[in-house]
Amino acid sequence: MTRVRVCARLRAAARSLVRHTGGPADSGRVTAFAVLMCTALLAVAGLVLDGGLAVSAKVQALDIAQAAARAGAQELDLPVYRTTGVARLDPARARQAAQQWLATAHADGEVVEATTARVTVLVRRTTTTQLLQLVGVRDLHVSATASATAVQGITGEDT
């Protein structure tokens, strides 16, 4: 066999191979599968990343709410405590102390309840999404509520 014939046969075999592997039998099925898988992986990554950011914002909101409630629970009604020995809160001062803590922390929140026994604070936070913006979810809103009570002694309320 001559060199020219060998080259011709190799070219013919290559053409035949290209026709059988890249012809109409493929019809783009692998491409559609790859696009769907990439979309699904991106959605899962968005849920993981933005879900983690939302959980972090929730923890921060809870931390601020707990601190504000504790600040309010420190405002005892001193005349009642001195005369009766019972730890009761001054509701007006407790509300003011908790609100002041929220203002100092630059937090969006409110004092839900301030009684002689308990201070309850609600804090709201908004986090901007990173990947979920691709599907139209721009912000995630979270909130946390915390309560604190006036405790007397080291073992619990009114001991």
N, C-alpha and C. Protein backbone atom coordinates (compact mmCIF):
# COMPACT_ATOMS: atom_id res chain seq x y z
N MET A 1 0.82 -1.16 0.00
CA MET A 1 0.00 0.00 0.00
C MET A 1 0.88 1.25 0.00
N THR A 2 0.45 2.17 -0.76
CA THR A 2 1.24 3.38 -0.83
C THR A 2 0.81 4.35 0.26
N ARG A 3 1.63 5.29 0.38
CA ARG A 3 1.40 6.28 1.42
C ARG A 3 0.13 7.08 1.15
N VAL A 4 -0.17 7.38 -0.08
CA VAL A 4 -1.35 8.15 -0.45
C VAL A 4 -2.60 7.36 -0.12
N ARG A 5 -2.59 6.06 -0.38
CA ARG A 5 -3.77 5.23 -0.08
C ARG A 5 -4.01 5.14 1.42
N VAL A 6 -2.97 5.05 2.21
CA VAL A 6 -3.12 4.98 3.65
C VAL A 6 -3.74 6.27 4.18
N CYS A 7 -3.27 7.38 3.68
CA CYS A 7 -3.82 8.68 4.11
C CYS A 7 -5.27 8.80 3.70
N ALA A 8 -5.63 8.34 2.51
CA ALA A 8 -7.01 8.40 2.05
C ALA A 8 -7.91 7.54 2.92
N ARG A 9 -7.44 6.36 3.26
CA ARG A 9 -8.24 5.48 4.12
C ARG A 9 -8.40 6.07 5.53
N LEU A 10 -7.37 6.69 6.06
CA LEU A 10 -7.48 7.32 7.37
C LEU A 10 -8.47 8.48 7.33
N ARG A 11 -8.43 9.27 6.25
CA ARG A 11 -9.39 10.37 6.13
C ARG A 11 -10.82 9.85 6.06
N ALA A 12 -11.02 8.79 5.31
CA ALA A 12 -12.36 8.21 5.18
C ALA A 12 -12.85 7.66 6.53
N ALA A 13 -11.97 7.03 7.26
CA ALA A 13 -12.34 6.50 8.57
C ALA A 13 -12.67 7.64 9.54
N ALA A 14 -11.92 8.72 9.49
CA ALA A 14 -12.19 9.87 10.36
C ALA A 14 -13.53 10.50 10.02
N ARG A 15 -13.84 10.64 8.71
CA ARG A 15 -15.13 11.19 8.31
C ARG A 15 -16.27 10.30 8.79
N SER A 16 -16.09 9.00 8.68
CA SER A 16 -17.12 8.06 9.11
C SER A 16 -17.33 8.15 10.62
N LEU A 17 -16.25 8.29 11.37
CA LEU A 17 -16.33 8.41 12.81
C LEU A 17 -17.06 9.70 13.21
N VAL A 18 -16.75 10.80 12.55
CA VAL A 18 -17.40 12.07 12.85
C VAL A 18 -18.88 11.98 12.52
N ARG A 19 -19.24 11.35 11.42
CA ARG A 19 -20.63 11.23 11.02
C ARG A 19 -21.42 10.39 12.03
N HIS A 20 -20.85 9.34 12.56
CA HIS A 20 -21.57 8.44 13.47
C HIS A 20 -21.66 9.00 14.90
N THR A 21 -20.66 9.75 15.33
CA THR A 21 -20.71 10.24 16.70
C THR A 21 -21.32 11.63 16.83
N GLY A 22 -21.23 12.47 15.85
CA GLY A 22 -21.74 13.82 15.97
C GLY A 22 -22.96 14.07 15.12
N GLY A 23 -23.58 13.04 14.60
CA GLY A 23 -24.71 13.20 13.70
C GLY A 23 -26.01 13.44 14.44
N PRO A 24 -27.13 13.19 13.80
CA PRO A 24 -28.44 13.48 14.37
C PRO A 24 -28.80 12.62 15.58
N ALA A 25 -28.07 11.55 15.86
CA ALA A 25 -28.40 10.70 17.01
C ALA A 25 -28.16 11.42 18.33
N ASP A 26 -27.25 12.40 18.37
CA ASP A 26 -26.95 13.13 19.60
C ASP A 26 -28.11 14.05 19.97
N SER A 27 -28.55 14.87 19.13
CA SER A 27 -29.67 15.81 19.24
C SER A 27 -29.67 16.65 20.52
N GLY A 28 -28.52 16.91 21.13
CA GLY A 28 -28.42 17.84 22.23
C GLY A 28 -28.92 17.36 23.58
N ARG A 29 -29.06 16.09 23.80
CA ARG A 29 -29.56 15.59 25.08
C ARG A 29 -28.59 15.85 26.22
N VAL A 30 -27.32 15.71 25.97
CA VAL A 30 -26.34 15.95 27.01
C VAL A 30 -26.33 17.43 27.37
N THR A 31 -26.50 18.29 26.42
CA THR A 31 -26.52 19.72 26.69
C THR A 31 -27.69 20.09 27.60
N ALA A 32 -28.86 19.58 27.32
CA ALA A 32 -30.03 19.86 28.16
C ALA A 32 -29.81 19.34 29.58
N PHE A 33 -29.25 18.16 29.71
CA PHE A 33 -28.96 17.59 31.03
C PHE A 33 -27.95 18.47 31.77
N ALA A 34 -26.92 18.92 31.10
CA ALA A 34 -25.91 19.76 31.74
C ALA A 34 -26.52 21.09 32.19
N VAL A 35 -27.38 21.68 31.38
CA VAL A 35 -28.02 22.94 31.76
C VAL A 35 -28.91 22.73 32.98
N LEU A 36 -29.70 21.67 33.00
CA LEU A 36 -30.57 21.40 34.15
C LEU A 36 -29.76 21.13 35.42
N MET A 37 -28.70 20.39 35.30
CA MET A 37 -27.88 20.09 36.48
C MET A 37 -27.19 21.35 37.01
N CYS A 38 -26.69 22.19 36.11
CA CYS A 38 -26.06 23.43 36.55
C CYS A 38 -27.07 24.34 37.25
N THR A 39 -28.28 24.41 36.71
CA THR A 39 -29.33 25.21 37.33
C THR A 39 -29.69 24.67 38.71
N ALA A 40 -29.82 23.36 38.82
CA ALA A 40 -30.14 22.75 40.11
C ALA A 40 -29.02 22.98 41.12
N LEU A 41 -27.79 22.84 40.70
CA LEU A 41 -26.67 23.06 41.62
C LEU A 41 -26.58 24.52 42.05
N LEU A 42 -26.88 25.43 41.15
CA LEU A 42 -26.88 26.85 41.49
C LEU A 42 -28.00 27.16 42.49
N ALA A 43 -29.16 26.54 42.32
CA ALA A 43 -30.26 26.75 43.26
C ALA A 43 -29.91 26.21 44.64
N VAL A 44 -29.31 25.05 44.70
CA VAL A 44 -28.91 24.47 45.99
C VAL A 44 -27.83 25.35 46.65
N ALA A 45 -26.88 25.82 45.85
CA ALA A 45 -25.84 26.70 46.40
C ALA A 45 -26.46 27.98 46.93
N GLY A 46 -27.46 28.51 46.23
CA GLY A 46 -28.15 29.71 46.70
C GLY A 46 -28.86 29.48 48.01
N LEU A 47 -29.53 28.33 48.13
CA LEU A 47 -30.21 28.01 49.38
C LEU A 47 -29.23 27.86 50.54
N VAL A 48 -28.10 27.23 50.26
CA VAL A 48 -27.11 27.03 51.32
C VAL A 48 -26.49 28.36 51.73
N LEU A 49 -26.03 29.14 50.76
CA LEU A 49 -25.36 30.40 51.07
C LEU A 49 -26.32 31.40 51.71
N ASP A 50 -27.43 31.66 51.06
CA ASP A 50 -28.36 32.65 51.56
C ASP A 50 -29.10 32.16 52.80
N GLY A 51 -29.32 30.86 52.91
CA GLY A 51 -29.90 30.31 54.14
C GLY A 51 -28.95 30.50 55.31
N GLY A 52 -27.67 30.30 55.08
CA GLY A 52 -26.67 30.54 56.12
C GLY A 52 -26.61 32.00 56.55
N LEU A 53 -26.72 32.90 55.57
CA LEU A 53 -26.74 34.33 55.90
C LEU A 53 -27.98 34.68 56.71
N ALA A 54 -29.12 34.06 56.39
CA ALA A 54 -30.36 34.32 57.13
C ALA A 54 -30.25 33.80 58.56
N VAL A 55 -29.66 32.63 58.73
CA VAL A 55 -29.48 32.08 60.08
C VAL A 55 -28.54 32.98 60.89
N SER A 56 -27.50 33.47 60.25
CA SER A 56 -26.57 34.37 60.93
C SER A 56 -27.27 35.66 61.35
N ALA A 57 -28.11 36.21 60.49
CA ALA A 57 -28.87 37.41 60.83
C ALA A 57 -29.84 37.14 61.98
N LYS A 58 -30.43 35.95 61.99
CA LYS A 58 -31.35 35.58 63.07
C LYS A 58 -30.61 35.49 64.41
N VAL A 59 -29.42 34.92 64.40
CA VAL A 59 -28.61 34.81 65.62
C VAL A 59 -28.22 36.20 66.12
N GLN A 60 -27.85 37.09 65.20
CA GLN A 60 -27.50 38.45 65.60
C GLN A 60 -28.71 39.17 66.18
N ALA A 61 -29.89 38.99 65.57
CA ALA A 61 -31.11 39.61 66.08
C ALA A 61 -31.45 39.08 67.47
N LEU A 62 -31.29 37.78 67.67
CA LEU A 62 -31.55 37.20 68.98
C LEU A 62 -30.58 37.74 70.03
N ASP A 63 -29.32 37.88 69.66
CA ASP A 63 -28.32 38.42 70.57
C ASP A 63 -28.69 39.83 71.02
N ILE A 64 -29.11 40.66 70.06
CA ILE A 64 -29.49 42.04 70.39
C ILE A 64 -30.76 42.04 71.25
N ALA A 65 -31.73 41.20 70.91
CA ALA A 65 -32.98 41.15 71.68
C ALA A 65 -32.72 40.70 73.12
N GLN A 66 -31.86 39.69 73.29
CA GLN A 66 -31.54 39.23 74.64
C GLN A 66 -30.84 40.31 75.45
N ALA A 67 -29.90 41.01 74.82
CA ALA A 67 -29.18 42.06 75.54
C ALA A 67 -30.11 43.20 75.93
N ALA A 68 -31.01 43.58 75.03
CA ALA A 68 -31.95 44.66 75.34
C ALA A 68 -32.91 44.24 76.46
N ALA A 69 -33.37 43.00 76.42
CA ALA A 69 -34.27 42.52 77.47
C ALA A 69 -33.55 42.48 78.82
N ARG A 70 -32.29 42.06 78.83
CA ARG A 70 -31.53 42.05 80.08
C ARG A 70 -31.32 43.46 80.61
N ALA A 71 -31.08 44.41 79.69
CA ALA A 71 -30.91 45.81 80.12
C ALA A 71 -32.19 46.31 80.78
N GLY A 72 -33.33 45.94 80.21
CA GLY A 72 -34.60 46.34 80.81
C GLY A 72 -34.86 45.66 82.14
N ALA A 73 -34.46 44.40 82.25
CA ALA A 73 -34.72 43.64 83.47
C ALA A 73 -33.84 44.09 84.64
N GLN A 74 -32.89 44.93 84.39
CA GLN A 74 -32.06 45.45 85.48
C GLN A 74 -32.71 46.63 86.19
N GLU A 75 -33.79 47.14 85.63
CA GLU A 75 -34.45 48.32 86.21
C GLU A 75 -35.47 47.91 87.26
N LEU A 76 -34.99 47.65 88.45
CA LEU A 76 -35.85 47.24 89.56
C LEU A 76 -36.61 48.44 90.13
N ASP A 77 -37.76 48.14 90.69
CA ASP A 77 -38.52 49.13 91.44
C ASP A 77 -37.90 49.14 92.84
N LEU A 78 -36.94 50.03 93.04
CA LEU A 78 -36.14 50.02 94.27
C LEU A 78 -36.95 50.27 95.54
N PRO A 79 -37.92 51.19 95.57
CA PRO A 79 -38.70 51.36 96.82
C PRO A 79 -39.42 50.07 97.23
N VAL A 80 -39.99 49.34 96.27
CA VAL A 80 -40.67 48.08 96.59
C VAL A 80 -39.66 47.06 97.08
N TYR A 81 -38.51 46.98 96.43
CA TYR A 81 -37.48 46.01 96.84
C TYR A 81 -36.98 46.31 98.25
N ARG A 82 -36.78 47.59 98.56
CA ARG A 82 -36.25 47.95 99.88
C ARG A 82 -37.27 47.73 100.99
N THR A 83 -38.54 47.92 100.69
CA THR A 83 -39.55 47.76 101.75
C THR A 83 -40.02 46.32 101.89
N THR A 84 -40.14 45.57 100.78
CA THR A 84 -40.69 44.22 100.85
C THR A 84 -39.66 43.13 100.60
N GLY A 85 -38.55 43.48 99.95
CA GLY A 85 -37.55 42.47 99.63
C GLY A 85 -37.89 41.67 98.38
N VAL A 86 -38.92 42.08 97.65
CA VAL A 86 -39.33 41.38 96.43
C VAL A 86 -38.80 42.14 95.22
N ALA A 87 -38.14 41.39 94.32
CA ALA A 87 -37.59 42.00 93.10
C ALA A 87 -38.70 42.17 92.07
N ARG A 88 -39.10 43.42 91.87
CA ARG A 88 -40.09 43.76 90.84
C ARG A 88 -39.49 44.82 89.94
N LEU A 89 -39.91 44.80 88.70
CA LEU A 89 -39.40 45.78 87.74
C LEU A 89 -40.25 47.04 87.77
N ASP A 90 -39.61 48.13 87.44
CA ASP A 90 -40.32 49.38 87.18
C ASP A 90 -40.60 49.37 85.67
N PRO A 91 -41.84 49.10 85.24
CA PRO A 91 -42.13 48.91 83.81
C PRO A 91 -41.71 50.08 82.92
N ALA A 92 -41.92 51.31 83.37
CA ALA A 92 -41.56 52.46 82.54
C ALA A 92 -40.05 52.55 82.34
N ARG A 93 -39.31 52.40 83.43
CA ARG A 93 -37.84 52.46 83.31
C ARG A 93 -37.30 51.25 82.56
N ALA A 94 -37.91 50.09 82.73
CA ALA A 94 -37.48 48.89 82.01
C ALA A 94 -37.68 49.06 80.51
N ARG A 95 -38.84 49.59 80.12
CA ARG A 95 -39.11 49.84 78.70
C ARG A 95 -38.10 50.84 78.12
N GLN A 96 -37.85 51.90 78.87
CA GLN A 96 -36.92 52.93 78.41
C GLN A 96 -35.50 52.38 78.27
N ALA A 97 -35.06 51.56 79.22
CA ALA A 97 -33.71 51.00 79.16
C ALA A 97 -33.56 50.04 77.97
N ALA A 98 -34.59 49.23 77.72
CA ALA A 98 -34.54 48.31 76.59
C ALA A 98 -34.54 49.08 75.26
N GLN A 99 -35.39 50.13 75.17
CA GLN A 99 -35.42 50.95 73.96
C GLN A 99 -34.09 51.64 73.73
N GLN A 100 -33.49 52.10 74.80
CA GLN A 100 -32.19 52.77 74.68
C GLN A 100 -31.13 51.79 74.19
N TRP A 101 -31.18 50.56 74.67
CA TRP A 101 -30.23 49.55 74.21
C TRP A 101 -30.41 49.30 72.71
N LEU A 102 -31.66 49.19 72.26
CA LEU A 102 -31.93 48.98 70.84
C LEU A 102 -31.42 50.15 70.01
N ALA A 103 -31.61 51.37 70.50
CA ALA A 103 -31.13 52.54 69.78
C ALA A 103 -29.60 52.56 69.70
N THR A 104 -28.95 52.19 70.81
CA THR A 104 -27.49 52.14 70.83
C THR A 104 -26.96 51.10 69.85
N ALA A 105 -27.66 49.99 69.72
CA ALA A 105 -27.24 48.91 68.82
C ALA A 105 -27.68 49.17 67.37
N HIS A 106 -28.37 50.27 67.13
CA HIS A 106 -28.88 50.61 65.79
C HIS A 106 -29.72 49.47 65.23
N ALA A 107 -30.58 48.93 66.08
CA ALA A 107 -31.39 47.78 65.69
C ALA A 107 -32.83 48.20 65.45
N ASP A 108 -33.46 47.53 64.49
CA ASP A 108 -34.88 47.73 64.23
C ASP A 108 -35.64 46.80 65.16
N GLY A 109 -36.24 47.36 66.17
CA GLY A 109 -36.96 46.52 67.13
C GLY A 109 -37.84 47.34 68.02
N GLU A 110 -38.50 46.64 68.92
CA GLU A 110 -39.42 47.29 69.84
C GLU A 110 -39.54 46.47 71.12
N VAL A 111 -39.93 47.17 72.16
CA VAL A 111 -40.22 46.49 73.42
C VAL A 111 -41.68 46.05 73.35
N VAL A 112 -41.89 44.75 73.29
CA VAL A 112 -43.23 44.21 73.14
C VAL A 112 -44.00 44.30 74.45
N GLU A 113 -43.30 44.02 75.56
CA GLU A 113 -43.96 43.99 76.86
C GLU A 113 -42.96 44.39 77.93
N ALA A 114 -43.43 45.21 78.84
CA ALA A 114 -42.64 45.56 80.02
C ALA A 114 -43.59 45.59 81.20
N THR A 115 -43.50 44.56 82.03
CA THR A 115 -44.37 44.48 83.21
C THR A 115 -43.50 44.49 84.45
N THR A 116 -44.12 44.28 85.59
CA THR A 116 -43.35 44.23 86.83
C THR A 116 -42.54 42.95 86.95
N ALA A 117 -42.82 41.98 86.09
CA ALA A 117 -42.11 40.70 86.17
C ALA A 117 -41.22 40.41 84.97
N ARG A 118 -41.52 40.98 83.80
CA ARG A 118 -40.83 40.54 82.59
C ARG A 118 -40.69 41.68 81.59
N VAL A 119 -39.60 41.61 80.81
CA VAL A 119 -39.39 42.52 79.68
C VAL A 119 -39.22 41.64 78.45
N THR A 120 -40.00 41.91 77.40
CA THR A 120 -39.92 41.15 76.16
C THR A 120 -39.60 42.11 75.02
N VAL A 121 -38.59 41.74 74.22
CA VAL A 121 -38.10 42.60 73.13
C VAL A 121 -38.14 41.82 71.83
N LEU A 122 -38.54 42.50 70.75
CA LEU A 122 -38.57 41.94 69.39
C LEU A 122 -37.60 42.72 68.53
N VAL A 123 -36.74 42.01 67.81
CA VAL A 123 -35.78 42.64 66.90
C VAL A 123 -35.98 42.05 65.51
N ARG A 124 -36.01 42.94 64.51
CA ARG A 124 -36.16 42.52 63.11
C ARG A 124 -34.89 42.86 62.35
N ARG A 125 -34.51 41.97 61.45
CA ARG A 125 -33.34 42.22 60.58
C ARG A 125 -33.68 41.80 59.17
N THR A 126 -33.05 42.44 58.23
CA THR A 126 -33.21 42.11 56.82
C THR A 126 -31.82 41.84 56.25
N THR A 127 -31.69 40.74 55.54
CA THR A 127 -30.42 40.41 54.90
C THR A 127 -30.62 40.34 53.39
N THR A 128 -29.68 40.89 52.65
CA THR A 128 -29.74 40.87 51.19
C THR A 128 -29.16 39.55 50.70
N THR A 129 -29.88 38.90 49.80
CA THR A 129 -29.42 37.61 49.29
C THR A 129 -28.28 37.79 48.30
N GLN A 130 -27.51 36.74 48.12
CA GLN A 130 -26.40 36.77 47.18
C GLN A 130 -26.75 36.03 45.89
N LEU A 131 -27.11 34.76 46.02
CA LEU A 131 -27.41 33.95 44.83
C LEU A 131 -28.90 33.88 44.52
N LEU A 132 -29.74 33.96 45.53
CA LEU A 132 -31.18 33.85 45.28
C LEU A 132 -31.72 35.07 44.55
N GLN A 133 -30.92 36.13 44.39
CA GLN A 133 -31.33 37.27 43.58
C GLN A 133 -31.56 36.84 42.13
N LEU A 134 -30.87 35.79 41.72
CA LEU A 134 -31.01 35.30 40.35
C LEU A 134 -32.41 34.78 40.06
N VAL A 135 -33.12 34.36 41.11
CA VAL A 135 -34.49 33.87 40.93
C VAL A 135 -35.52 34.85 41.50
N GLY A 136 -35.09 36.08 41.79
CA GLY A 136 -36.03 37.11 42.19
C GLY A 136 -36.19 37.33 43.67
N VAL A 137 -35.48 36.59 44.52
CA VAL A 137 -35.57 36.79 45.97
C VAL A 137 -34.45 37.75 46.36
N ARG A 138 -34.80 38.99 46.65
CA ARG A 138 -33.80 40.02 46.93
C ARG A 138 -33.43 40.11 48.41
N ASP A 139 -34.42 39.97 49.28
CA ASP A 139 -34.19 40.13 50.72
C ASP A 139 -34.83 38.98 51.49
N LEU A 140 -34.22 38.66 52.63
CA LEU A 140 -34.80 37.72 53.57
C LEU A 140 -35.00 38.46 54.88
N HIS A 141 -36.20 38.37 55.43
CA HIS A 141 -36.54 39.07 56.67
C HIS A 141 -36.58 38.05 57.81
N VAL A 142 -35.89 38.37 58.90
CA VAL A 142 -35.89 37.51 60.07
C VAL A 142 -36.21 38.36 61.30
N SER A 143 -36.69 37.70 62.33
CA SER A 143 -36.95 38.40 63.59
C SER A 143 -36.66 37.45 64.75
N ALA A 144 -36.43 38.05 65.90
CA ALA A 144 -36.16 37.26 67.10
C ALA A 144 -36.77 37.97 68.29
N THR A 145 -37.29 37.19 69.20
CA THR A 145 -37.90 37.71 70.41
C THR A 145 -37.18 37.12 71.62
N ALA A 146 -36.93 37.95 72.61
CA ALA A 146 -36.29 37.48 73.84
C ALA A 146 -36.96 38.13 75.03
N SER A 147 -36.98 37.40 76.14
CA SER A 147 -37.56 37.90 77.39
C SER A 147 -36.56 37.76 78.51
N ALA A 148 -36.67 38.66 79.46
CA ALA A 148 -35.85 38.59 80.66
C ALA A 148 -36.73 38.93 81.85
N THR A 149 -36.45 38.28 82.96
CA THR A 149 -37.22 38.52 84.19
C THR A 149 -36.29 38.99 85.29
N ALA A 150 -36.88 39.66 86.24
CA ALA A 150 -36.11 40.06 87.41
C ALA A 150 -35.94 38.85 88.31
N VAL A 151 -34.72 38.54 88.64
CA VAL A 151 -34.42 37.37 89.47
C VAL A 151 -33.79 37.84 90.76
N GLN A 152 -34.24 37.25 91.84
CA GLN A 152 -33.71 37.58 93.15
C GLN A 152 -32.96 36.38 93.67
N GLY A 153 -31.72 36.58 94.07
CA GLY A 153 -30.91 35.47 94.57
C GLY A 153 -30.20 34.77 93.43
N ILE A 154 -29.71 33.57 93.72
CA ILE A 154 -28.94 32.85 92.73
C ILE A 154 -29.68 31.60 92.20
N THR A 155 -30.83 31.27 92.76
CA THR A 155 -31.48 30.05 92.34
C THR A 155 -32.76 30.29 91.52
N GLY A 156 -33.24 31.49 91.46
CA GLY A 156 -34.44 31.72 90.65
C GLY A 156 -35.24 32.90 91.14
N GLU A 157 -36.43 33.03 90.56
CA GLU A 157 -37.30 34.15 90.89
C GLU A 157 -37.75 34.09 92.35
N ASP A 158 -37.75 35.23 92.98
CA ASP A 158 -38.31 35.43 94.33
C ASP A 158 -37.80 34.42 95.36
N THR A 159 -36.53 34.08 95.33
CA THR A 159 -35.97 33.19 96.35
C THR A 159 -35.07 33.94 97.28
